[in-house]
Protein backbone atom coordinates (compact mmCIF):
# COMPACT_ATOMS: atom_id res chain seq x y z
CA UNK A 1 21.42 2.63 25.09
CA UNK A 2 23.45 5.72 26.10
CA UNK A 3 23.21 7.80 29.15
CA UNK A 4 19.97 9.97 29.41
CA UNK A 5 22.27 13.04 29.60
CA UNK A 6 24.09 12.51 26.45
CA UNK A 7 24.41 15.69 24.24
CA UNK A 8 21.30 16.06 22.14
CA UNK A 9 21.32 16.17 18.30
CA UNK A 10 21.04 19.39 16.66
CA UNK A 11 17.33 19.31 16.07
CA UNK A 12 14.45 21.68 16.58
CA UNK A 13 13.43 19.90 19.92
CA UNK A 14 17.18 20.43 21.11
CA UNK A 15 16.96 24.03 20.21
CA UNK A 16 13.67 24.24 22.09
CA UNK A 17 15.37 22.66 25.10
CA UNK A 18 18.15 25.22 25.03
CA UNK A 19 15.78 28.03 24.91
CA UNK A 20 13.83 26.74 27.84
CA UNK A 21 17.03 26.39 29.76
CA UNK A 22 17.97 30.11 28.88
CA UNK A 23 14.52 31.30 30.05
CA UNK A 24 14.81 29.24 33.29
CA UNK A 25 18.11 30.95 34.01
CA UNK A 26 17.19 34.54 32.91
CA UNK A 27 16.78 35.95 36.37
CA UNK A 28 19.29 33.60 38.25
CA UNK A 29 21.60 35.69 40.61
CA UNK A 30 25.36 35.00 39.77
CA UNK A 31 26.23 34.06 43.32
CA UNK A 32 26.15 31.28 45.73
CA UNK A 33 22.61 30.72 47.22
CA UNK A 34 24.11 29.60 50.58
CA UNK A 35 25.91 32.87 51.21
CA UNK A 36 23.26 35.09 49.57
CA UNK A 37 21.19 35.54 52.63
CA UNK A 38 20.46 37.97 55.38
CA UNK A 39 21.93 35.96 58.16
CA UNK A 40 25.55 36.19 56.54
CA UNK A 41 27.61 37.73 59.40
CA UNK A 42 29.14 41.36 59.30
CA UNK A 43 32.58 41.35 57.66
CA UNK A 44 35.45 40.94 60.26
CA UNK A 45 38.42 43.27 60.45
CA UNK A 46 41.49 42.94 58.36
CA UNK A 47 44.82 42.25 59.70
CA UNK A 48 47.04 45.39 60.07
CA UNK A 49 50.24 45.79 61.94
CA UNK A 50 52.13 43.00 63.63
CA UNK A 51 50.57 40.00 65.64
CA UNK A 52 52.20 37.03 67.52
CA UNK A 53 50.64 33.72 67.68
CA UNK A 54 51.43 30.15 68.56
CA UNK A 55 49.41 28.84 65.35
CA UNK A 56 48.62 30.81 62.23
CA UNK A 57 45.79 29.22 60.03
CA UNK A 58 45.76 30.36 56.51
CA UNK A 59 42.16 29.99 54.99
CA UNK A 60 38.73 30.53 56.51
CA UNK A 61 37.05 27.54 55.17
CA UNK A 62 36.37 24.14 56.79
CA UNK A 63 40.02 23.12 57.04
CA UNK A 64 41.15 26.28 58.62
CA UNK A 65 38.18 26.63 61.01
CA UNK A 66 38.52 23.06 62.26
CA UNK A 67 42.25 23.60 62.73
CA UNK A 68 41.71 26.61 64.75
CA UNK A 69 38.99 24.87 67.07
CA UNK A 70 41.08 21.55 67.49
CA UNK A 71 44.14 23.44 68.19
CA UNK A 72 42.30 25.54 71.04
CA UNK A 73 40.85 22.23 72.32
CA UNK A 74 44.13 20.62 72.38
CA UNK A 75 45.71 23.62 74.21
CA UNK A 76 43.23 26.37 75.47
CA UNK A 77 46.20 28.68 76.33
CA UNK A 78 47.46 28.71 72.86
CA UNK A 79 47.14 31.89 70.71
CA UNK A 80 45.54 30.97 67.41
CA UNK A 81 44.90 33.30 64.45
CA UNK A 82 43.11 32.77 61.31
CA UNK A 83 43.82 34.81 58.04
CA UNK A 84 41.18 34.70 55.16
CA UNK A 85 41.91 36.41 51.93
CA UNK A 86 38.19 37.06 51.42
CA UNK A 87 35.42 36.19 53.90
CA UNK A 88 34.58 33.05 55.87
CA UNK A 89 32.92 30.44 53.65
CA UNK A 90 33.87 32.52 50.56
CA UNK A 91 35.43 29.50 48.81
CA UNK A 92 34.37 25.87 48.48
CA UNK A 93 33.03 25.75 52.00
CA UNK A 94 30.10 28.20 50.83
CA UNK A 95 29.71 26.91 47.42
CA UNK A 96 29.27 23.13 47.65
CA UNK A 97 26.18 21.06 47.74
CA UNK A 98 26.04 20.46 51.38
CA UNK A 99 26.71 16.56 51.26
CA UNK A 100 28.43 15.30 54.35
CA UNK A 101 29.91 11.85 54.39
CA UNK A 102 31.86 9.55 56.38
CA UNK A 103 34.14 8.59 53.80
CA UNK A 104 37.96 9.73 53.79
CA UNK A 105 38.85 8.01 50.59
CA UNK A 106 36.62 9.44 47.98
CA UNK A 107 34.08 6.64 48.38
CA UNK A 108 34.41 3.05 49.79
CA UNK A 109 35.27 1.28 46.52
CA UNK A 110 38.02 3.79 45.57
CA UNK A 111 39.59 3.45 49.20
CA UNK A 112 39.29 -0.43 48.77
CA UNK A 113 41.24 -0.15 45.34
CA UNK A 114 43.92 2.17 46.81
CA UNK A 115 44.52 0.98 50.52
CA UNK A 116 42.78 -2.31 51.08
CA UNK A 117 44.75 -3.32 54.10
CA UNK A 118 44.05 0.00 55.68
CA UNK A 119 40.28 0.19 54.88
CA UNK A 120 39.06 -1.05 58.43
CA UNK A 121 41.17 1.75 59.97
CA UNK A 122 40.01 4.24 57.30
CA UNK A 123 36.49 3.39 57.71
CA UNK A 124 36.63 3.70 61.57
CA UNK A 125 38.30 7.07 61.33
CA UNK A 126 35.86 8.15 58.82
CA UNK A 127 32.95 7.32 61.21
CA UNK A 128 34.59 8.80 64.23
CA UNK A 129 35.13 12.04 62.25
CA UNK A 130 31.54 12.33 61.26
CA UNK A 131 30.36 11.68 64.62
CA UNK A 132 32.81 14.42 66.10
CA UNK A 133 31.31 16.79 63.81
CA UNK A 134 27.76 16.25 64.80
CA UNK A 135 28.97 16.31 68.50
CA UNK A 136 30.50 19.81 67.90
CA UNK A 137 27.54 21.01 66.11
CA UNK A 138 25.58 20.14 69.13
CA UNK A 139 28.14 21.38 71.64
CA UNK A 140 28.47 24.66 70.11
CA UNK A 141 24.75 25.06 69.26
CA UNK A 142 25.41 25.55 65.64
CA UNK A 143 22.14 25.78 63.58
CA UNK A 144 23.30 24.37 60.32
CA UNK A 145 20.40 22.00 59.30
CA UNK A 146 22.60 18.96 59.72
CA UNK A 147 20.48 15.82 58.93
CA UNK A 148 21.93 12.16 58.95
CA UNK A 149 19.64 11.03 56.26
CA UNK A 150 22.19 9.28 54.00
CA UNK A 151 22.20 9.47 50.36
CA UNK A 152 20.74 7.59 47.22
CA UNK A 153 22.84 6.86 44.24
CA UNK A 154 20.97 6.23 41.09
CA UNK A 155 21.63 4.36 37.97
CA UNK A 156 20.89 6.33 34.78
CA UNK A 157 22.37 3.84 32.13
CA UNK A 158 22.09 0.05 32.04
CA UNK A 159 25.67 -0.62 32.93
CA UNK A 160 25.28 1.32 35.95
CA UNK A 161 22.60 -1.02 37.50
CA UNK A 162 25.20 -3.95 37.87
CA UNK A 163 27.80 -1.50 39.12
CA UNK A 164 25.43 -0.39 41.80
CA UNK A 165 24.64 -3.89 42.96
CA UNK A 166 28.35 -4.58 43.37
CA UNK A 167 28.76 -1.35 45.44
CA UNK A 168 25.78 -2.23 47.65
CA UNK A 169 27.50 -5.58 48.49
CA UNK A 170 30.72 -3.89 49.33
CA UNK A 171 29.01 -1.59 51.61
CA UNK A 172 27.33 -4.47 53.44
CA UNK A 173 30.76 -6.06 53.92
CA UNK A 174 31.82 -2.87 55.90
CA UNK A 175 28.49 -2.73 57.88
CA UNK A 176 26.63 -0.04 56.19
CA UNK A 177 22.95 0.05 56.08
CA UNK A 178 22.08 0.02 52.35
CA UNK A 179 19.32 -1.18 50.25
CA UNK A 180 19.21 -1.91 46.62
CA UNK A 181 16.19 -0.58 44.64
CA UNK A 182 14.91 -1.50 41.31
CA UNK A 183 13.45 1.14 38.83
CA UNK A 184 10.08 0.90 40.31
CA UNK A 185 11.18 1.15 43.76
CA UNK A 186 13.72 3.99 43.18
CA UNK A 187 10.99 6.03 41.35
CA UNK A 188 8.61 5.46 44.03
CA UNK A 189 10.99 7.16 46.53
CA UNK A 190 12.11 9.99 44.21
CA UNK A 191 9.96 10.58 41.06
CA UNK A 192 12.26 10.62 37.87
CA UNK A 193 11.76 8.83 34.76
CA UNK A 194 15.60 8.71 34.40
CA UNK A 195 16.13 6.14 37.07
CA UNK A 196 16.95 2.51 36.38
CA UNK A 197 17.81 1.51 39.83
CA UNK A 198 19.03 2.97 43.14
CA UNK A 199 21.29 2.20 46.26
CA UNK A 200 19.81 3.99 49.27
CA UNK A 201 22.65 4.35 51.77
CA UNK A 202 21.30 5.15 55.25
CA UNK A 203 23.41 6.52 58.32
CA UNK A 204 26.68 7.10 56.52
CA UNK A 205 26.26 10.86 56.12
CA UNK A 206 23.65 13.28 55.19
CA UNK A 207 23.06 16.94 54.44
CA UNK A 208 24.05 20.24 55.95
CA UNK A 209 23.85 23.81 55.12
CA UNK A 210 27.51 24.49 54.52
CA UNK A 211 27.62 28.26 54.99
CA UNK A 212 25.75 28.13 58.27
CA UNK A 213 28.17 25.28 59.30
CA UNK A 214 30.99 27.55 58.36
CA UNK A 215 29.72 30.71 60.09
CA UNK A 216 28.87 28.70 63.04
CA UNK A 217 32.40 27.15 63.36
CA UNK A 218 33.83 30.70 63.00
CA UNK A 219 31.70 31.91 65.90
CA UNK A 220 32.68 28.85 67.98
CA UNK A 221 36.31 29.41 67.29
CA UNK A 222 35.98 33.02 68.50
CA UNK A 223 34.30 31.83 71.57
CA UNK A 224 37.37 29.66 72.35
CA UNK A 225 39.65 32.90 71.95
CA UNK A 226 40.70 32.55 68.32
CA UNK A 227 41.25 35.70 66.21
CA UNK A 228 39.81 35.76 62.76
CA UNK A 229 40.85 38.36 60.16
CA UNK A 230 39.15 38.68 56.90
CA UNK A 231 40.16 40.37 53.67
CA UNK A 232 43.69 39.49 54.57
CA UNK A 233 45.67 37.91 51.86
CA UNK A 234 48.85 36.19 52.62
CA UNK A 235 51.81 37.30 50.42
CA UNK A 236 54.70 35.13 51.53
CA UNK A 237 56.69 33.62 54.43
CA UNK A 238 59.79 34.56 56.10
CA UNK A 239 62.04 32.58 58.48
CA UNK A 240 62.26 33.65 62.09
CA UNK A 241 64.34 32.39 65.08
CA UNK A 242 61.39 30.67 66.69
CA UNK A 243 58.94 29.92 63.67
CA UNK A 244 57.65 31.50 60.67
CA UNK A 245 56.58 35.19 59.82
CA UNK A 246 53.52 35.12 57.67
CA UNK A 247 53.41 38.28 55.44
CA UNK A 248 50.14 39.89 54.39
CA UNK A 249 49.11 42.86 52.29
CA UNK A 250 48.89 45.06 55.50
CA UNK A 251 50.73 43.33 58.15
CA UNK A 252 52.51 40.15 59.48
CA UNK A 253 51.80 37.47 61.98
CA UNK A 254 54.90 35.99 63.96
CA UNK A 255 53.79 32.24 64.41
CA UNK A 256 55.46 29.27 65.83
CA UNK A 257 53.53 27.04 63.56
CA UNK A 258 51.33 27.45 60.36
CA UNK A 259 48.49 25.43 58.89
CA UNK A 260 47.63 25.90 55.22
CA UNK A 261 44.02 25.13 54.24
CA UNK A 262 43.54 27.07 50.90
CA UNK A 263 41.58 24.45 48.81
CA UNK A 264 42.13 25.00 45.21
CA UNK A 265 43.16 28.70 45.40
CA UNK A 266 46.70 29.61 44.62
CA UNK A 267 48.49 28.37 47.73
CA UNK A 268 51.24 30.26 49.55
CA UNK A 269 53.32 27.38 49.21
CA UNK A 270 54.29 27.27 45.48
CA UNK A 271 55.07 23.31 45.77
CA UNK A 272 51.49 22.54 46.43
CA UNK A 273 50.63 23.58 42.80
CA UNK A 274 52.45 20.57 41.56
CA UNK A 275 49.77 18.17 43.17
CA UNK A 276 46.63 20.30 43.44
CA UNK A 277 44.56 20.69 40.29
CA UNK A 278 41.91 23.49 40.52
CA UNK A 279 38.65 22.49 38.80
CA UNK A 280 35.55 24.41 38.44
CA UNK A 281 32.17 22.88 39.38
CA UNK A 282 28.89 24.63 38.54
CA UNK A 283 25.76 24.67 40.43
CA UNK A 284 22.13 26.00 40.13
CA UNK A 285 19.29 26.29 42.74
CA UNK A 286 15.54 26.76 41.85
CA UNK A 287 12.98 28.90 43.22
CA UNK A 288 11.06 27.49 46.28
CA UNK A 289 8.65 24.72 45.02
CA UNK A 290 5.00 25.06 45.48
CA UNK A 291 3.24 22.30 47.56
CA UNK A 292 1.86 20.81 44.48
CA UNK A 293 5.31 20.63 42.74
CA UNK A 294 6.90 19.27 45.95
CA UNK A 295 4.21 16.48 46.05
CA UNK A 296 4.97 15.50 42.40
CA UNK A 297 8.58 14.59 43.49
CA UNK A 298 7.53 12.25 46.43
CA UNK A 299 11.04 12.15 48.14
CA UNK A 300 9.93 11.75 51.61
CA UNK A 301 13.32 11.57 53.37
CA UNK A 302 14.57 14.59 51.36
CA UNK A 303 18.03 12.84 51.16
CA UNK A 304 20.61 13.75 48.69
CA UNK A 305 21.01 12.06 45.33
CA UNK A 306 23.92 11.49 42.91
CA UNK A 307 23.91 9.62 39.77
CA UNK A 308 26.50 6.83 39.04
CA UNK A 309 28.36 8.22 36.12
CA UNK A 310 31.76 9.34 35.81
CA UNK A 311 30.40 12.65 34.98
CA UNK A 312 27.74 12.80 37.61
CA UNK A 313 25.18 15.17 39.05
CA UNK A 314 24.46 15.88 42.63
CA UNK A 315 21.31 17.27 43.93
CA UNK A 316 19.23 17.92 46.96
CA UNK A 317 16.42 19.88 48.62
CA UNK A 318 17.14 22.69 50.87
CA UNK A 319 15.24 23.69 54.04
CA UNK A 320 13.00 26.10 52.14
CA UNK A 321 12.06 23.31 49.37
CA UNK A 322 14.33 24.56 46.57
CA UNK A 323 16.42 22.03 44.66
CA UNK A 324 20.17 22.42 44.35
CA UNK A 325 21.38 20.75 41.16
CA UNK A 326 25.18 20.59 40.31
CA UNK A 327 28.05 18.66 39.00
CA UNK A 328 28.69 16.92 35.53
CA UNK A 329 30.87 19.59 33.95
CA UNK A 330 34.16 19.73 35.50
CA UNK A 331 36.26 22.32 33.99
CA UNK A 332 40.04 22.89 34.16
CA UNK A 333 41.57 26.21 32.87
CA UNK A 334 45.09 26.26 31.50
CA UNK A 335 47.88 27.32 33.89
CA UNK A 336 45.69 26.43 37.01
CA UNK A 337 43.82 29.71 36.46
CA UNK A 338 41.68 30.73 39.29
CA UNK A 339 39.64 33.98 38.99
CA UNK A 340 36.20 35.46 39.90
CA UNK A 341 35.18 35.78 36.37
CA UNK A 342 35.50 32.04 35.87
CA UNK A 343 32.53 31.42 38.47
CA UNK A 344 30.06 31.90 35.65
CA UNK A 345 30.11 29.65 32.54
CA UNK A 346 26.96 30.00 30.34
CA UNK A 347 27.58 26.60 28.65
CA UNK A 348 27.76 24.63 31.97
CA UNK A 349 24.91 26.41 33.49
CA UNK A 350 22.66 25.86 30.41
CA UNK A 351 23.69 22.22 30.26
CA UNK A 352 22.82 21.72 34.02
CA UNK A 353 19.36 23.38 33.31
CA UNK A 354 18.72 21.05 30.42
CA UNK A 355 19.81 17.93 32.50
CA UNK A 356 17.51 19.22 35.32
CA UNK A 357 14.56 19.37 33.02
CA UNK A 358 15.20 15.79 31.88
CA UNK A 359 15.55 14.67 35.60
CA UNK A 360 12.33 16.37 36.64
CA UNK A 361 10.10 16.79 33.74
CA UNK A 362 7.11 17.40 35.98
CA UNK A 363 8.72 20.68 37.14
CA UNK A 364 8.44 22.17 33.71
CA UNK A 365 8.55 25.99 33.77
CA UNK A 366 10.32 26.18 37.08
CA UNK A 367 13.03 29.00 37.41
CA UNK A 368 16.49 29.21 38.88
CA UNK A 369 17.30 31.95 41.33
CA UNK A 370 20.99 31.47 41.75
CA UNK A 371 23.81 30.15 39.60
CA UNK A 372 27.48 29.88 40.52
CA UNK A 373 30.72 28.01 40.20
CA UNK A 374 33.57 27.24 42.52
CA UNK A 375 36.98 25.65 42.53
CA UNK A 376 37.47 21.90 43.61
CA UNK A 377 40.92 21.07 44.68
CA UNK A 378 41.65 17.72 42.98
CA UNK A 379 44.60 15.32 43.34
CA UNK A 380 45.56 12.64 41.00
CA UNK A 381 44.38 10.05 43.55
CA UNK A 382 41.04 12.04 44.43
CA UNK A 383 42.04 12.16 48.19
CA UNK A 384 43.75 14.73 50.12
CA UNK A 385 47.42 15.35 50.31
CA UNK A 386 49.12 16.21 53.71
CA UNK A 387 52.72 17.07 54.63
CA UNK A 388 55.06 19.61 56.37
CA UNK A 389 57.74 21.98 55.29
CA UNK A 390 60.12 24.62 56.84
CA UNK A 391 61.47 22.32 59.41
CA UNK A 392 57.97 21.04 60.27
CA UNK A 393 56.76 24.54 61.02
CA UNK A 394 54.17 24.60 58.25
CA UNK A 395 51.76 21.83 57.71
CA UNK A 396 49.07 21.44 54.83
CA UNK A 397 46.04 19.48 54.09
CA UNK A 398 44.63 20.09 50.48
CA UNK A 399 42.91 18.17 47.74
CA UNK A 400 39.56 16.75 48.87
CA UNK A 401 38.26 16.57 45.45
CA UNK A 402 34.80 17.46 46.17
CA UNK A 403 34.36 15.64 49.31
CA UNK A 404 35.70 17.96 51.88
CA UNK A 405 32.76 19.05 54.02
CA UNK A 406 33.37 16.23 56.47
CA UNK A 407 36.91 15.12 55.51
CA UNK A 408 38.32 18.75 56.14
CA UNK A 409 38.03 18.14 59.77
CA UNK A 410 40.01 14.96 59.52
CA UNK A 411 42.52 16.99 57.34
CA UNK A 412 42.83 19.65 60.00
CA UNK A 413 43.58 16.91 62.76
CA UNK A 414 46.10 15.29 60.62
CA UNK A 415 47.86 18.73 60.03
CA UNK A 416 47.97 19.45 63.69
CA UNK A 417 49.27 15.91 64.41
CA UNK A 418 51.99 16.40 61.92
CA UNK A 419 53.00 19.78 63.42
CA UNK A 420 53.16 18.24 66.82
CA UNK A 421 55.18 15.15 65.62
CA UNK A 422 52.47 12.80 67.15
CA UNK A 423 52.39 9.19 66.08
CA UNK A 424 48.60 8.49 65.76
CA UNK A 425 46.38 6.21 63.71
CA UNK A 426 45.95 9.15 61.25
CA UNK A 427 49.55 9.92 60.73
CA UNK A 428 50.56 6.22 60.24
CA UNK A 429 48.14 5.92 57.23
CA UNK A 430 49.63 5.40 53.84
CA UNK A 431 47.24 8.18 52.53
CA UNK A 432 48.95 10.51 55.02
CA UNK A 433 52.59 9.27 54.67
CA UNK A 434 52.78 9.05 50.82
CA UNK A 435 52.03 11.75 48.37
CA UNK A 436 49.91 11.27 45.24
CA UNK A 437 51.64 11.47 41.76
CA UNK A 438 52.08 15.03 40.81
CA UNK A 439 50.18 16.38 37.83
CA UNK A 440 52.29 17.13 34.91
CA UNK A 441 53.53 20.73 34.24
CA UNK A 442 52.03 23.01 31.63
CA UNK A 443 51.80 23.03 28.68
CA UNK A 444 51.27 19.12 29.12
CA UNK A 445 48.84 19.46 31.87
CA UNK A 446 45.83 21.04 29.95
CA UNK A 447 45.88 18.48 27.13
CA UNK A 448 46.25 15.67 29.56
CA UNK A 449 43.27 16.70 31.72
CA UNK A 450 41.13 17.33 28.58
CA UNK A 451 42.01 13.91 27.07
CA UNK A 452 40.97 12.15 30.43
CA UNK A 453 37.84 14.25 30.55
CA UNK A 454 36.87 13.07 27.21
CA UNK A 455 37.89 9.46 28.00
CA UNK A 456 35.47 9.52 31.02
CA UNK A 457 32.73 11.03 29.07
CA UNK A 458 33.28 8.23 26.41
CA UNK A 459 32.99 5.53 28.95
CA UNK A 460 29.74 6.86 30.37
CA UNK A 461 28.39 6.81 26.64
CA UNK A 462 29.68 3.36 25.89
CA UNK A 463 28.34 1.12 28.69
CA UNK A 464 31.00 2.00 31.07
CA UNK A 465 33.82 0.46 28.97
CA UNK A 466 37.22 2.19 29.89
CA UNK A 467 39.28 2.72 27.03
CA UNK A 468 43.13 2.23 26.95
CA UNK A 469 43.93 5.72 28.30
CA UNK A 470 41.71 5.06 31.41
CA UNK A 471 43.02 1.69 31.79
CA UNK A 472 46.53 3.00 31.73
CA UNK A 473 45.70 5.49 34.39
CA UNK A 474 44.01 2.73 36.40
CA UNK A 475 47.27 0.86 36.50
CA UNK A 476 48.92 3.72 38.15
CA UNK A 477 46.11 4.77 40.41
CA UNK A 478 45.93 7.97 38.63
CA UNK A 479 42.83 9.70 37.19
CA UNK A 480 40.79 13.03 36.90
CA UNK A 481 37.27 13.88 37.99
CA UNK A 482 35.37 15.93 40.56
């Protein structure tokens, strides 16, 4: 038996499914649902002229906003400036699924495979990090819909059932509240005929409205005295006697230190392009469900759901009873291309619409109101990369590989620790001290990524069996996914 989302045969029924998907997408706005709302803040001014700061933060997403807040909490007298090329929450911080997790290692099993000796520390730091986010949301009065409802991972192919059982046992080893569900039990919780089993993880994360979180963090930063400039693109760096001059299109900032948190977008530090792969991920959001439609789903806890494939989907309910449905199709463009035109991809959005119809056939006829894409910043080891340059004047934290909503705060804390030369539990981690394997340069990078994507899809379709290419990558702790 192959995965339920395997490409259909070219039959009349497949053609009908594509036609239904196209109809469901016909009126979808080509923009992120999270930021396409009236409560979006008015644009902030762009930087013009010369400014002096103790810390310059490049990027108005989660990493940058947390870096600004934490820096002011460390030293309320510090002058902190944030420069964002577009708007706060323009990038991944306003385009993700709103899943918030305590993992710093792209999942517990991945962390155990990479840093087994350090996992007790990594698990503790991850839980402390998530608790600190919840505390900040309360302290600053941020209305971000943060719910610690956990997550369910579902098996949609027979081999994934045993994999979930092993993963549940691993979570128990580390003290997580986890329940393994058979097909009948998981379908009684969330009604989909595609489920063969499920792992319900409670208390290890949950859901948030990512744009409202970013907007709230920006307001919190400003309440502490941080200056945020939008539509301010960094064009380069110059050395200065006491730090770094950050050049922008219309001005410059003389800063003692700099934090770079640019996600998968072209970084001002060219060296980062060797380690960060920008991968496009695509998302849909439905119209609000009627009461009758909502009832057919069950889903009493409204927790987030992911399936257990290499190419996996993630989905959730929003506060107004829409379903966000994304993932599966991770697309890399030759030469690390990142541009607005790539935010839309008909083939990926139509595939998602068909997979949605397979997952929830009881919602036949529902339409999508929003469709978008965004860049995930991946590394070869799936976890962030940290470091400093320019005589420890510039620090960076990039490469969250799709799990940055919570881990970005940890990344910001690490970057500030590195700038301050502080010896902490964080800076002693091998994940922090050692860089991942770099990606090969073009023209090799694109075919290597494509071969790996196809190998992952083949493993999904053949009982999870990893072929020679994936086994080779496993030996070196290297791989490609979202």
